Each structure stands twice: as C-alpha cells, then as structure tokens.
Amino acid sequence: MSSVIAEDSGDYAEQLAKQLRRRLDKAFRPDTTAQGLGSAVPSAGHCAVASVVVHNVLGGELVSAVVGGNSHWFNRVRFGERVFDIDLTADQFGAQPVLIADANELY
C-alpha cells in the first residue's frame, strides 16, 4: 500500500508543478528577468521569483544550487511521506521546463 501512496504523491506533485508552470509562463517576460540573466528562453532569470510563488502555494523550502555556473533557485516540497525537489525553470539550462526528483537528487 505504501508504494501506491508514494507513486500517487509523485504524480500529484508533477501535476501541480506543471499547472503552476503553465500559469507562470504568462508572466515570464524580458522586463521581469533578473538583471543580466535574460535569454531566448522566457523562464531564464526568473528562478527566484518562480520559487517564491511555489513556496507561497505549496509551502516547503527554497533551495539554491549552482547550475551551469549560475546560482539557481528551486523548491523542496513534501507530498505525503515523500519530499521532492521541484524546478519550474529548468528549461533555461536546456532541460524540460519542469523537473521533479526526490530531494537532493535534482542537482
């Protein structure tokens, strides 16, 4: 039974993350990016503010790592018994827009 719950929590986290990203896509603009971090990828330079939005909606922790030589922010959120790292701006590093992994496995 616990593996079903664990699997369901991962699916739920992914659904929520993708829904939040679709909403954030409307707000990613060159004039709202962090200074000096804009690029052809609309989410570039928006990781910190996207992480704050996720935190306000889902709670959890703000997490920072160096990715591609840049400081990068994402979230660590508990769903049921599992804790996930969720990145809604991963596409600025050539990945899929939304990345989700067990805590400490993302970067």
Protein backbone atom coordinates (compact mmCIF):
# COMPACT_ATOMS: atom_id res chain seq x y z
CA MET A 1 0.00 0.00 0.00
CA SER A 2 2.77 2.50 0.80
CA SER A 3 4.26 2.18 -2.72
CA VAL A 4 0.88 3.17 -4.18
CA ILE A 5 0.78 6.22 -1.92
CA ALA A 6 4.37 7.11 -2.85
CA GLU A 7 3.62 6.75 -6.57
CA ASP A 8 0.45 8.82 -6.26
CA SER A 9 2.29 11.60 -4.41
CA GLY A 10 4.82 11.82 -7.24
CA ASP A 11 2.05 12.04 -9.85
CA TYR A 12 0.27 14.67 -7.78
CA ALA A 13 3.45 16.73 -7.37
CA GLU A 14 4.10 16.58 -11.11
CA GLN A 15 0.55 17.64 -11.98
CA LEU A 16 0.69 20.61 -9.62
CA ALA A 17 4.13 21.67 -10.81
CA LYS A 18 3.09 21.59 -14.47
CA GLN A 19 -0.08 23.53 -13.70
CA LEU A 20 1.94 26.21 -11.87
CA ARG A 21 4.43 26.40 -14.73
CA ARG A 22 1.63 26.96 -17.27
CA ARG A 23 0.42 29.86 -15.16
CA LEU A 24 3.92 31.30 -14.74
CA ASP A 25 4.60 31.10 -18.48
CA LYS A 26 2.22 34.06 -18.87
CA ALA A 27 4.40 36.18 -16.55
CA PHE A 28 7.89 35.37 -17.88
CA ARG A 29 8.95 38.49 -19.79
CA PRO A 30 12.28 40.12 -20.62
CA ASP A 31 11.44 43.12 -18.43
CA THR A 32 10.85 40.92 -15.36
CA THR A 33 14.00 38.79 -15.56
CA ALA A 34 16.85 39.12 -13.06
CA GLN A 35 19.30 41.70 -14.38
CA GLY A 36 21.83 40.22 -16.77
CA LEU A 37 20.18 36.78 -16.94
CA GLY A 38 17.76 37.16 -19.81
CA SER A 39 17.95 34.85 -22.82
CA ALA A 40 15.83 33.44 -25.62
CA VAL A 41 14.30 31.10 -23.02
CA PRO A 42 11.48 33.07 -21.34
CA SER A 43 11.97 31.47 -17.90
CA ALA A 44 15.67 32.45 -17.74
CA GLY A 45 16.33 34.78 -14.83
CA HIS A 46 13.01 34.00 -13.16
CA CYS A 47 14.01 31.09 -10.92
CA ALA A 48 13.95 33.04 -7.65
CA VAL A 49 10.53 34.58 -8.18
CA ALA A 50 9.12 31.29 -9.51
CA SER A 51 10.43 29.58 -6.37
CA VAL A 52 8.73 32.15 -4.16
CA VAL A 53 5.45 31.56 -5.98
CA VAL A 54 5.78 27.79 -5.50
CA HIS A 55 6.62 28.35 -1.83
CA ASN A 56 3.55 30.55 -1.36
CA VAL A 57 1.29 27.96 -3.00
CA LEU A 58 2.79 24.66 -1.79
CA GLY A 59 4.98 25.59 1.19
CA GLY A 60 8.23 23.76 1.65
CA GLU A 61 11.71 25.21 1.40
CA LEU A 62 13.56 27.42 -1.04
CA VAL A 63 16.73 25.65 -2.22
CA SER A 64 19.73 27.06 -4.06
CA ALA A 65 22.38 25.31 -6.13
CA VAL A 66 24.91 26.26 -8.76
CA VAL A 67 23.69 25.02 -12.15
CA GLY A 68 25.57 25.76 -15.35
CA GLY A 69 27.81 28.13 -13.42
CA ASN A 70 24.86 30.21 -12.19
CA SER A 71 23.12 30.45 -8.85
CA HIS A 72 19.75 28.78 -9.28
CA TRP A 73 16.68 28.54 -7.04
CA PHE A 74 14.08 25.78 -6.83
CA ASN A 75 11.82 24.22 -4.20
CA ARG A 76 11.77 21.28 -1.81
CA VAL A 77 8.19 20.24 -1.02
CA ARG A 78 6.67 17.38 0.95
CA PHE A 79 3.80 15.41 -0.57
CA GLY A 80 2.61 12.70 1.77
CA GLU A 81 5.65 10.80 3.01
CA ARG A 82 7.90 11.88 0.13
CA VAL A 83 9.93 15.04 -0.31
CA PHE A 84 10.58 16.32 -3.81
CA ASP A 85 12.80 18.94 -5.38
CA ILE A 86 10.76 20.87 -7.95
CA ASP A 87 12.27 23.19 -10.55
CA LEU A 88 9.84 25.18 -12.69
CA THR A 89 12.53 26.99 -14.69
CA ALA A 90 14.82 24.11 -15.67
CA ASP A 91 14.43 24.87 -19.38
CA GLN A 92 16.85 27.76 -19.02
CA PHE A 93 19.54 25.06 -18.72
CA GLY A 94 18.38 23.04 -21.72
CA ALA A 95 16.21 20.62 -19.73
CA GLN A 96 12.46 20.12 -19.77
CA PRO A 97 10.64 23.16 -18.30
CA VAL A 98 9.60 21.27 -15.15
CA LEU A 99 11.93 18.88 -13.34
CA ILE A 100 10.92 16.88 -10.29
CA ALA A 101 13.08 14.45 -8.35
CA ASP A 102 13.37 13.07 -4.86
CA ALA A 103 15.03 15.58 -2.51
CA ASN A 104 18.77 16.02 -3.13
CA GLU A 105 18.59 14.19 -6.47
CA LEU A 106 17.82 17.09 -8.81
CA TYR A 107 21.16 18.95 -8.92
